[in-house]
Amino acid sequence: MRVIAISTLRQFWEKHPDAEQPIKVWVDEANQAHWNKPSDVKAQYHSASVLKNRRVVFNIKGNDYRLIIAITYRLSIVYVKFIGTHAEYDKIDAETVGME
């Protein structure tokens, strides 16, 4: 997979340094992944939540942070839609949120 918007993730970990390594690990794993359907994501990340609109929610750093992505399986592209704390996540609609 190719992860789009690594700069967004970088900006986040600059504000939350404790998230840097867990995010980098997730990016490396996503870049090496070959997800063809939602069940492929769930097989790799059992705690991930598959939503509508090709979206998936990941728990980052032991569930301290939430990452929402949209996946275009046909093109093997992962788009970062949201990264934030639980409090920030609770204020958004995971199925429609997009990066500003």
PDB file of N, CA and C in Angstrom:
ATOM      1  N   MET A   1       0.847  -1.166   0.000  1.00  0.00           N
ATOM      2  CA  MET A   1       0.000   0.000   0.000  1.00  0.00           C
ATOM      3  C   MET A   1       0.901   1.241   0.000  1.00  0.00           C
ATOM      4  N   ARG A   2       0.344   2.325  -0.511  1.00  0.00           N
ATOM      5  CA  ARG A   2       1.058   3.603  -0.478  1.00  0.00           C
ATOM      6  C   ARG A   2       0.273   4.551   0.421  1.00  0.00           C
ATOM      7  N   VAL A   3       0.929   5.078   1.431  1.00  0.00           N
ATOM      8  CA  VAL A   3       0.276   5.954   2.398  1.00  0.00           C
ATOM      9  C   VAL A   3       0.402   7.399   1.930  1.00  0.00           C
ATOM     10  N   ILE A   4      -0.754   8.050   1.769  1.00  0.00           N
ATOM     11  CA  ILE A   4      -0.798   9.448   1.350  1.00  0.00           C
ATOM     12  C   ILE A   4      -1.033  10.318   2.589  1.00  0.00           C
ATOM     13  N   ALA A   5      -0.236  11.355   2.685  1.00  0.00           N
ATOM     14  CA  ALA A   5      -0.317  12.360   3.745  1.00  0.00           C
ATOM     15  C   ALA A   5       0.534  12.001   4.952  1.00  0.00           C
ATOM     16  N   ILE A   6       1.729  11.499   4.695  1.00  0.00           N
ATOM     17  CA  ILE A   6       2.664  11.241   5.791  1.00  0.00           C
ATOM     18  C   ILE A   6       2.991  12.568   6.491  1.00  0.00           C
ATOM     19  N   SER A   7       2.970  13.660   5.740  1.00  0.00           N
ATOM     20  CA  SER A   7       3.256  14.963   6.350  1.00  0.00           C
ATOM     21  C   SER A   7       2.243  15.282   7.453  1.00  0.00           C
ATOM     22  N   THR A   8       1.005  14.871   7.271  1.00  0.00           N
ATOM     23  CA  THR A   8      -0.022  15.069   8.297  1.00  0.00           C
ATOM     24  C   THR A   8       0.331  14.280   9.549  1.00  0.00           C
ATOM     25  N   LEU A   9       0.785  13.068   9.357  1.00  0.00           N
ATOM     26  CA  LEU A   9       1.185  12.241  10.498  1.00  0.00           C
ATOM     27  C   LEU A   9       2.405  12.849  11.191  1.00  0.00           C
ATOM     28  N   ARG A  10       3.343  13.362  10.402  1.00  0.00           N
ATOM     29  CA  ARG A  10       4.544  13.991  10.965  1.00  0.00           C
ATOM     30  C   ARG A  10       4.164  15.209  11.816  1.00  0.00           C
ATOM     31  N   GLN A  11       3.261  16.031  11.310  1.00  0.00           N
ATOM     32  CA  GLN A  11       2.811  17.200  12.065  1.00  0.00           C
ATOM     33  C   GLN A  11       2.186  16.771  13.399  1.00  0.00           C
ATOM     34  N   PHE A  12       1.459  15.666  13.357  1.00  0.00           N
ATOM     35  CA  PHE A  12       0.822  15.181  14.579  1.00  0.00           C
ATOM     36  C   PHE A  12       1.861  14.726  15.592  1.00  0.00           C
ATOM     37  N   TRP A  13       2.841  13.940  15.160  1.00  0.00           N
ATOM     38  CA  TRP A  13       3.809  13.439  16.141  1.00  0.00           C
ATOM     39  C   TRP A  13       4.749  14.540  16.622  1.00  0.00           C
ATOM     40  N   GLU A  14       4.878  15.620  15.858  1.00  0.00           N
ATOM     41  CA  GLU A  14       5.659  16.745  16.369  1.00  0.00           C
ATOM     42  C   GLU A  14       4.952  17.398  17.554  1.00  0.00           C
ATOM     43  N   LYS A  15       3.620  17.373  17.552  1.00  0.00           N
ATOM     44  CA  LYS A  15       2.843  17.895  18.685  1.00  0.00           C
ATOM     45  C   LYS A  15       2.708  16.858  19.801  1.00  0.00           C
ATOM     46  N   HIS A  16       2.762  15.575  19.429  1.00  0.00           N
ATOM     47  CA  HIS A  16       2.607  14.460  20.378  1.00  0.00           C
ATOM     48  C   HIS A  16       3.790  13.503  20.186  1.00  0.00           C
ATOM     49  N   PRO A  17       4.976  13.863  20.715  1.00  0.00           N
ATOM     50  CA  PRO A  17       6.180  13.056  20.483  1.00  0.00           C
ATOM     51  C   PRO A  17       6.052  11.586  20.865  1.00  0.00           C
ATOM     52  N   ASP A  18       5.199  11.273  21.843  1.00  0.00           N
ATOM     53  CA  ASP A  18       5.034   9.878  22.249  1.00  0.00           C
ATOM     54  C   ASP A  18       4.351   9.047  21.166  1.00  0.00           C
ATOM     55  N   ALA A  19       3.770   9.699  20.175  1.00  0.00           N
ATOM     56  CA  ALA A  19       3.096   8.987  19.092  1.00  0.00           C
ATOM     57  C   ALA A  19       4.021   8.701  17.910  1.00  0.00           C
ATOM     58  N   GLU A  20       5.207   9.304  17.897  1.00  0.00           N
ATOM     59  CA  GLU A  20       6.081   9.187  16.720  1.00  0.00           C
ATOM     60  C   GLU A  20       6.422   7.743  16.369  1.00  0.00           C
ATOM     61  N   GLN A  21       6.970   7.001  17.302  1.00  0.00           N
ATOM     62  CA  GLN A  21       7.374   5.620  16.988  1.00  0.00           C
ATOM     63  C   GLN A  21       6.182   4.736  16.622  1.00  0.00           C
ATOM     64  N   PRO A  22       5.086   4.760  17.381  1.00  0.00           N
ATOM     65  CA  PRO A  22       3.943   3.933  16.983  1.00  0.00           C
ATOM     66  C   PRO A  22       3.392   4.289  15.591  1.00  0.00           C
ATOM     67  N   ILE A  23       3.386   5.573  15.256  1.00  0.00           N
ATOM     68  CA  ILE A  23       2.908   5.968  13.920  1.00  0.00           C
ATOM     69  C   ILE A  23       3.875   5.483  12.855  1.00  0.00           C
ATOM     70  N   LYS A  24       5.167   5.627  13.095  1.00  0.00           N
ATOM     71  CA  LYS A  24       6.162   5.165  12.119  1.00  0.00           C
ATOM     72  C   LYS A  24       6.060   3.654  11.902  1.00  0.00           C
ATOM     73  N   VAL A  25       5.824   2.923  12.974  1.00  0.00           N
ATOM     74  CA  VAL A  25       5.649   1.469  12.848  1.00  0.00           C
ATOM     75  C   VAL A  25       4.419   1.180  11.987  1.00  0.00           C
ATOM     76  N   TRP A  26       3.299   1.878  12.264  1.00  0.00           N
ATOM     77  CA  TRP A  26       2.076   1.664  11.481  1.00  0.00           C
ATOM     78  C   TRP A  26       2.322   1.982  10.013  1.00  0.00           C
ATOM     79  N   VAL A  27       3.001   3.090   9.723  1.00  0.00           N
ATOM     80  CA  VAL A  27       3.281   3.477   8.331  1.00  0.00           C
ATOM     81  C   VAL A  27       4.110   2.394   7.640  1.00  0.00           C
ATOM     82  N   ASP A  28       5.156   1.906   8.306  1.00  0.00           N
ATOM     83  CA  ASP A  28       5.987   0.844   7.721  1.00  0.00           C
ATOM     84  C   ASP A  28       5.161  -0.403   7.434  1.00  0.00           C
ATOM     85  N   GLU A  29       4.311  -0.784   8.381  1.00  0.00           N
ATOM     86  CA  GLU A  29       3.473  -1.969   8.177  1.00  0.00           C
ATOM     87  C   GLU A  29       2.470  -1.749   7.053  1.00  0.00           C
ATOM     88  N   ALA A  30       1.883  -0.570   6.989  1.00  0.00           N
ATOM     89  CA  ALA A  30       0.917  -0.273   5.928  1.00  0.00           C
ATOM     90  C   ALA A  30       1.604  -0.255   4.560  1.00  0.00           C
ATOM     91  N   ASN A  31       2.801   0.306   4.498  1.00  0.00           N
ATOM     92  CA  ASN A  31       3.533   0.338   3.226  1.00  0.00           C
ATOM     93  C   ASN A  31       3.860  -1.060   2.715  1.00  0.00           C
ATOM     94  N   GLN A  32       4.045  -1.997   3.622  1.00  0.00           N
ATOM     95  CA  GLN A  32       4.371  -3.373   3.237  1.00  0.00           C
ATOM     96  C   GLN A  32       3.131  -4.245   3.023  1.00  0.00           C
ATOM     97  N   ALA A  33       1.986  -3.739   3.427  1.00  0.00           N
ATOM     98  CA  ALA A  33       0.749  -4.536   3.372  1.00  0.00           C
ATOM     99  C   ALA A  33       0.236  -4.681   1.943  1.00  0.00           C
ATOM    100  N   HIS A  34      -0.551  -5.720   1.748  1.00  0.00           N
ATOM    101  CA  HIS A  34      -1.232  -5.978   0.468  1.00  0.00           C
ATOM    102  C   HIS A  34      -2.707  -6.223   0.784  1.00  0.00           C
ATOM    103  N   TRP A  35      -3.407  -5.156   1.124  1.00  0.00           N
ATOM    104  CA  TRP A  35      -4.814  -5.256   1.483  1.00  0.00           C
ATOM    105  C   TRP A  35      -5.671  -5.177   0.230  1.00  0.00           C
ATOM    106  N   ASN A  36      -6.462  -6.200  -0.011  1.00  0.00           N
ATOM    107  CA  ASN A  36      -7.353  -6.239  -1.167  1.00  0.00           C
ATOM    108  C   ASN A  36      -8.816  -6.071  -0.784  1.00  0.00           C
ATOM    109  N   LYS A  37      -9.078  -6.198   0.516  1.00  0.00           N
ATOM    110  CA  LYS A  37     -10.456  -6.086   1.011  1.00  0.00           C
ATOM    111  C   LYS A  37     -10.390  -5.833   2.512  1.00  0.00           C
ATOM    112  N   PRO A  38     -11.493  -5.352   3.087  1.00  0.00           N
ATOM    113  CA  PRO A  38     -11.486  -5.035   4.525  1.00  0.00           C
ATOM    114  C   PRO A  38     -11.041  -6.193   5.419  1.00  0.00           C
ATOM    115  N   SER A  39     -11.392  -7.398   5.077  1.00  0.00           N
ATOM    116  CA  SER A  39     -11.007  -8.526   5.932  1.00  0.00           C
ATOM    117  C   SER A  39      -9.490  -8.714   5.981  1.00  0.00           C
ATOM    118  N   ASP A  40      -8.776  -8.263   4.947  1.00  0.00           N
ATOM    119  CA  ASP A  40      -7.308  -8.326   4.978  1.00  0.00           C
ATOM    120  C   ASP A  40      -6.757  -7.395   6.057  1.00  0.00           C
ATOM    121  N   VAL A  41      -7.363  -6.221   6.186  1.00  0.00           N
ATOM    122  CA  VAL A  41      -6.954  -5.273   7.221  1.00  0.00           C
ATOM    123  C   VAL A  41      -7.235  -5.867   8.602  1.00  0.00           C
ATOM    124  N   LYS A  42      -8.431  -6.423   8.775  1.00  0.00           N
ATOM    125  CA  LYS A  42      -8.812  -7.022  10.066  1.00  0.00           C
ATOM    126  C   LYS A  42      -7.915  -8.207  10.423  1.00  0.00           C
ATOM    127  N   ALA A  43      -7.484  -8.949   9.433  1.00  0.00           N
ATOM    128  CA  ALA A  43      -6.603 -10.082   9.700  1.00  0.00           C
ATOM    129  C   ALA A  43      -5.261  -9.609  10.266  1.00  0.00           C
ATOM    130  N   GLN A  44      -4.796  -8.451   9.814  1.00  0.00           N
ATOM    131  CA  GLN A  44      -3.532  -7.913  10.290  1.00  0.00           C
ATOM    132  C   GLN A  44      -3.696  -7.122  11.586  1.00  0.00           C
ATOM    133  N   TYR A  45      -4.811  -6.400  11.696  1.00  0.00           N
ATOM    134  CA  TYR A  45      -5.075  -5.552  12.858  1.00  0.00           C
ATOM    135  C   TYR A  45      -6.435  -5.928  13.433  1.00  0.00           C
ATOM    136  N   HIS A  46      -6.449  -6.831  14.363  1.00  0.00           N
ATOM    137  CA  HIS A  46      -7.701  -7.328  14.930  1.00  0.00           C
ATOM    138  C   HIS A  46      -8.515  -6.244  15.620  1.00  0.00           C
ATOM    139  N   SER A  47      -7.842  -5.235  16.178  1.00  0.00           N
ATOM    140  CA  SER A  47      -8.560  -4.182  16.891  1.00  0.00           C
ATOM    141  C   SER A  47      -9.039  -3.055  15.974  1.00  0.00           C
ATOM    142  N   ALA A  48      -8.687  -3.112  14.697  1.00  0.00           N
ATOM    143  CA  ALA A  48      -9.139  -2.075  13.762  1.00  0.00           C
ATOM    144  C   ALA A  48     -10.649  -2.174  13.580  1.00  0.00           C
ATOM    145  N   SER A  49     -11.264  -1.018  13.350  1.00  0.00           N
ATOM    146  CA  SER A  49     -12.705  -0.969  13.107  1.00  0.00           C
ATOM    147  C   SER A  49     -12.945  -0.589  11.658  1.00  0.00           C
ATOM    148  N   VAL A  50     -13.617  -1.463  10.919  1.00  0.00           N
ATOM    149  CA  VAL A  50     -13.938  -1.199   9.527  1.00  0.00           C
ATOM    150  C   VAL A  50     -15.273  -0.455   9.484  1.00  0.00           C
ATOM    151  N   LEU A  51     -15.283   0.681   8.794  1.00  0.00           N
ATOM    152  CA  LEU A  51     -16.469   1.522   8.690  1.00  0.00           C
ATOM    153  C   LEU A  51     -16.957   1.569   7.244  1.00  0.00           C
ATOM    154  N   LYS A  52     -18.021   2.339   7.025  1.00  0.00           N
ATOM    155  CA  LYS A  52     -18.491   2.586   5.662  1.00  0.00           C
ATOM    156  C   LYS A  52     -17.483   3.470   4.941  1.00  0.00           C
ATOM    157  N   ASN A  53     -17.713   3.666   3.658  1.00  0.00           N
ATOM    158  CA  ASN A  53     -16.886   4.562   2.837  1.00  0.00           C
ATOM    159  C   ASN A  53     -15.427   4.131   2.770  1.00  0.00           C
ATOM    160  N   ARG A  54     -15.172   2.825   2.826  1.00  0.00           N
ATOM    161  CA  ARG A  54     -13.820   2.264   2.723  1.00  0.00           C
ATOM    162  C   ARG A  54     -12.900   2.741   3.833  1.00  0.00           C
ATOM    163  N   ARG A  55     -13.476   3.126   4.959  1.00  0.00           N
ATOM    164  CA  ARG A  55     -12.680   3.677   6.061  1.00  0.00           C
ATOM    165  C   ARG A  55     -12.375   2.634   7.128  1.00  0.00           C
ATOM    166  N   VAL A  56     -11.228   2.858   7.774  1.00  0.00           N
ATOM    167  CA  VAL A  56     -10.790   1.986   8.858  1.00  0.00           C
ATOM    168  C   VAL A  56     -10.232   2.871   9.969  1.00  0.00           C
ATOM    169  N   VAL A  57     -10.558   2.516  11.208  1.00  0.00           N
ATOM    170  CA  VAL A  57     -10.049   3.220  12.379  1.00  0.00           C
ATOM    171  C   VAL A  57      -9.031   2.322  13.071  1.00  0.00           C
ATOM    172  N   PHE A  58      -7.854   2.884  13.346  1.00  0.00           N
ATOM    173  CA  PHE A  58      -6.793   2.164  14.041  1.00  0.00           C
ATOM    174  C   PHE A  58      -6.540   2.808  15.395  1.00  0.00           C
ATOM    175  N   ASN A  59      -6.233   1.983  16.377  1.00  0.00           N
ATOM    176  CA  ASN A  59      -5.788   2.456  17.683  1.00  0.00           C
ATOM    177  C   ASN A  59      -4.272   2.576  17.615  1.00  0.00           C
ATOM    178  N   ILE A  60      -3.780   3.745  17.975  1.00  0.00           N
ATOM    179  CA  ILE A  60      -2.341   4.001  17.930  1.00  0.00           C
ATOM    180  C   ILE A  60      -1.833   4.206  19.346  1.00  0.00           C
ATOM    181  N   LYS A  61      -0.680   3.659  19.617  1.00  0.00           N
ATOM    182  CA  LYS A  61      -0.021   3.749  20.929  1.00  0.00           C
ATOM    183  C   LYS A  61      -0.937   3.257  22.041  1.00  0.00           C
ATOM    184  N   GLY A  62      -1.289   2.007  21.944  1.00  0.00           N
ATOM    185  CA  GLY A  62      -2.099   1.388  22.990  1.00  0.00           C
ATOM    186  C   GLY A  62      -3.438   2.065  23.182  1.00  0.00           C
ATOM    187  N   ASN A  63      -3.997   2.561  22.092  1.00  0.00           N
ATOM    188  CA  ASN A  63      -5.321   3.179  22.107  1.00  0.00           C
ATOM    189  C   ASN A  63      -5.315   4.613  22.651  1.00  0.00           C
ATOM    190  N   ASP A  64      -4.128   5.245  22.743  1.00  0.00           N
ATOM    191  CA  ASP A  64      -4.064   6.651  23.168  1.00  0.00           C
ATOM    192  C   ASP A  64      -4.549   7.583  22.059  1.00  0.00           C
ATOM    193  N   TYR A  65      -4.328   7.170  20.816  1.00  0.00           N
ATOM    194  CA  TYR A  65      -4.671   7.997  19.657  1.00  0.00           C
ATOM    195  C   TYR A  65      -5.484   7.176  18.670  1.00  0.00           C
ATOM    196  N   ARG A  66      -6.194   7.889  17.794  1.00  0.00           N
ATOM    197  CA  ARG A  66      -6.983   7.231  16.754  1.00  0.00           C
ATOM    198  C   ARG A  66      -6.545   7.731  15.388  1.00  0.00           C
ATOM    199  N   LEU A  67      -6.427   6.815  14.469  1.00  0.00           N
ATOM    200  CA  LEU A  67      -6.070   7.104  13.086  1.00  0.00           C
ATOM    201  C   LEU A  67      -7.189   6.588  12.193  1.00  0.00           C
ATOM    202  N   ILE A  68      -7.715   7.467  11.354  1.00  0.00           N
ATOM    203  CA  ILE A  68      -8.743   7.066  10.391  1.00  0.00           C
ATOM    204  C   ILE A  68      -8.141   7.178   9.004  1.00  0.00           C
ATOM    205  N   ILE A  69      -8.302   6.119   8.234  1.00  0.00           N
ATOM    206  CA  ILE A  69      -7.830   6.127   6.848  1.00  0.00           C
ATOM    207  C   ILE A  69      -8.975   5.724   5.932  1.00  0.00           C
ATOM    208  N   ALA A  70      -8.819   6.081   4.663  1.00  0.00           N
ATOM    209  CA  ALA A  70      -9.687   5.564   3.608  1.00  0.00           C
ATOM    210  C   ALA A  70      -8.774   4.791   2.673  1.00  0.00           C
ATOM    211  N   ILE A  71      -9.247   3.650   2.223  1.00  0.00           N
ATOM    212  CA  ILE A  71      -8.423   2.784   1.379  1.00  0.00           C
ATOM    213  C   ILE A  71      -9.050   2.655  -0.003  1.00  0.00           C
ATOM    214  N   THR A  72      -8.233   2.875  -1.019  1.00  0.00           N
ATOM    215  CA  THR A  72      -8.627   2.553  -2.380  1.00  0.00           C
ATOM    216  C   THR A  72      -7.911   1.234  -2.700  1.00  0.00           C
ATOM    217  N   TYR A  73      -8.628   0.150  -2.492  1.00  0.00           N
ATOM    218  CA  TYR A  73      -8.022  -1.182  -2.614  1.00  0.00           C
ATOM    219  C   TYR A  73      -7.490  -1.435  -4.023  1.00  0.00           C
ATOM    220  N   ARG A  74      -8.246  -1.027  -5.010  1.00  0.00           N
ATOM    221  CA  ARG A  74      -7.870  -1.279  -6.407  1.00  0.00           C
ATOM    222  C   ARG A  74      -6.525  -0.644  -6.762  1.00  0.00           C
ATOM    223  N   LEU A  75      -6.251   0.536  -6.181  1.00  0.00           N
ATOM    224  CA  LEU A  75      -5.008   1.252  -6.471  1.00  0.00           C
ATOM    225  C   LEU A  75      -3.945   1.071  -5.396  1.00  0.00           C
ATOM    226  N   SER A  76      -4.288   0.363  -4.331  1.00  0.00           N
ATOM    227  CA  SER A  76      -3.372   0.127  -3.205  1.00  0.00           C
ATOM    228  C   SER A  76      -2.908   1.443  -2.569  1.00  0.00           C
ATOM    229  N   ILE A  77      -3.876   2.338  -2.320  1.00  0.00           N
ATOM    230  CA  ILE A  77      -3.558   3.625  -1.719  1.00  0.00           C
ATOM    231  C   ILE A  77      -4.340   3.791  -0.424  1.00  0.00           C
ATOM    232  N   VAL A  78      -3.644   4.292   0.586  1.00  0.00           N
ATOM    233  CA  VAL A  78      -4.222   4.585   1.891  1.00  0.00           C
ATOM    234  C   VAL A  78      -4.171   6.103   2.070  1.00  0.00           C
ATOM    235  N   TYR A  79      -5.321   6.706   2.335  1.00  0.00           N
ATOM    236  CA  TYR A  79      -5.407   8.148   2.543  1.00  0.00           C
ATOM    237  C   TYR A  79      -5.668   8.433   4.019  1.00  0.00           C
ATOM    238  N   VAL A  80      -4.813   9.230   4.641  1.00  0.00           N
ATOM    239  CA  VAL A  80      -5.028   9.629   6.026  1.00  0.00           C
ATOM    240  C   VAL A  80      -6.167  10.641   6.055  1.00  0.00           C
ATOM    241  N   LYS A  81      -7.200  10.347   6.834  1.00  0.00           N
ATOM    242  CA  LYS A  81      -8.355  11.228   6.964  1.00  0.00           C
ATOM    243  C   LYS A  81      -8.385  11.951   8.302  1.00  0.00           C
ATOM    244  N   PHE A  82      -7.791  11.329   9.321  1.00  0.00           N
ATOM    245  CA  PHE A  82      -7.808  11.923  10.662  1.00  0.00           C
ATOM    246  C   PHE A  82      -6.775  11.233  11.523  1.00  0.00           C
ATOM    247  N   ILE A  83      -6.104  12.029  12.351  1.00  0.00           N
ATOM    248  CA  ILE A  83      -5.269  11.486  13.423  1.00  0.00           C
ATOM    249  C   ILE A  83      -5.498  12.408  14.611  1.00  0.00           C
ATOM    250  N   GLY A  84      -5.785  11.821  15.767  1.00  0.00           N
ATOM    251  CA  GLY A  84      -6.050  12.659  16.926  1.00  0.00           C
ATOM    252  C   GLY A  84      -6.158  11.869  18.207  1.00  0.00           C
ATOM    253  N   THR A  85      -6.372  12.606  19.264  1.00  0.00           N
ATOM    254  CA  THR A  85      -6.573  12.000  20.576  1.00  0.00           C
ATOM    255  C   THR A  85      -7.988  11.418  20.636  1.00  0.00           C
ATOM    256  N   HIS A  86      -8.264  10.668  21.676  1.00  0.00           N
ATOM    257  CA  HIS A  86      -9.616  10.133  21.852  1.00  0.00           C
ATOM    258  C   HIS A  86     -10.630  11.255  22.000  1.00  0.00           C
ATOM    259  N   ALA A  87     -10.268  12.303  22.737  1.00  0.00           N
ATOM    260  CA  ALA A  87     -11.190  13.432  22.927  1.00  0.00           C
ATOM    261  C   ALA A  87     -11.513  14.086  21.579  1.00  0.00           C
ATOM    262  N   GLU A  88     -10.512  14.237  20.727  1.00  0.00           N
ATOM    263  CA  GLU A  88     -10.736  14.812  19.398  1.00  0.00           C
ATOM    264  C   GLU A  88     -11.568  13.865  18.537  1.00  0.00           C
ATOM    265  N   TYR A  89     -11.277  12.583  18.633  1.00  0.00           N
ATOM    266  CA  TYR A  89     -12.014  11.580  17.869  1.00  0.00           C
ATOM    267  C   TYR A  89     -13.493  11.581  18.254  1.00  0.00           C
ATOM    268  N   ASP A  90     -13.770  11.748  19.522  1.00  0.00           N
ATOM    269  CA  ASP A  90     -15.154  11.733  19.990  1.00  0.00           C
ATOM    270  C   ASP A  90     -15.982  12.887  19.435  1.00  0.00           C
ATOM    271  N   LYS A  91     -15.325  13.915  18.907  1.00  0.00           N
ATOM    272  CA  LYS A  91     -16.020  15.098  18.396  1.00  0.00           C
ATOM    273  C   LYS A  91     -16.273  15.057  16.894  1.00  0.00           C
ATOM    274  N   ILE A  92     -15.810  14.029  16.213  1.00  0.00           N
ATOM    275  CA  ILE A  92     -15.926  13.972  14.751  1.00  0.00           C
ATOM    276  C   ILE A  92     -16.793  12.797  14.314  1.00  0.00           C
ATOM    277  N   ASP A  93     -17.177  12.816  13.049  1.00  0.00           N
ATOM    278  CA  ASP A  93     -17.876  11.686  12.436  1.00  0.00           C
ATOM    279  C   ASP A  93     -16.837  10.921  11.627  1.00  0.00           C
ATOM    280  N   ALA A  94     -16.463   9.758  12.103  1.00  0.00           N
ATOM    281  CA  ALA A  94     -15.401   8.969  11.478  1.00  0.00           C
ATOM    282  C   ALA A  94     -15.689   8.591  10.033  1.00  0.00           C
ATOM    283  N   GLU A  95     -16.964   8.561   9.657  1.00  0.00           N
ATOM    284  CA  GLU A  95     -17.320   8.141   8.298  1.00  0.00           C
ATOM    285  C   GLU A  95     -17.261   9.284   7.284  1.00  0.00           C
ATOM    286  N   THR A  96     -17.138  10.523   7.774  1.00  0.00           N
ATOM    287  CA  THR A  96     -17.119  11.653   6.837  1.00  0.00           C
ATOM    288  C   THR A  96     -15.954  12.601   7.039  1.00  0.00           C
ATOM    289  N   VAL A  97     -15.222  12.499   8.134  1.00  0.00           N
ATOM    290  CA  VAL A  97     -14.170  13.450   8.416  1.00  0.00           C
ATOM    291  C   VAL A  97     -13.098  13.405   7.326  1.00  0.00           C
ATOM    292  N   GLY A  98     -12.530  14.574   7.066  1.00  0.00           N
ATOM    293  CA  GLY A  98     -11.410  14.682   6.126  1.00  0.00           C
ATOM    294  C   GLY A  98     -10.403  15.663   6.666  1.00  0.00           C
ATOM    295  N   MET A  99      -9.194  15.573   6.189  1.00  0.00           N
ATOM    296  CA  MET A  99      -8.152  16.496   6.641  1.00  0.00           C
ATOM    297  C   MET A  99      -8.475  17.888   6.130  1.00  0.00           C
ATOM    298  N   GLU A 100      -8.222  18.884   6.966  1.00  0.00           N
ATOM    299  CA  GLU A 100      -8.497  20.269   6.588  1.00  0.00           C
ATOM    300  C   GLU A 100      -7.370  20.855   5.796  1.00  0.00           C
TER     301      GLU A 100
END
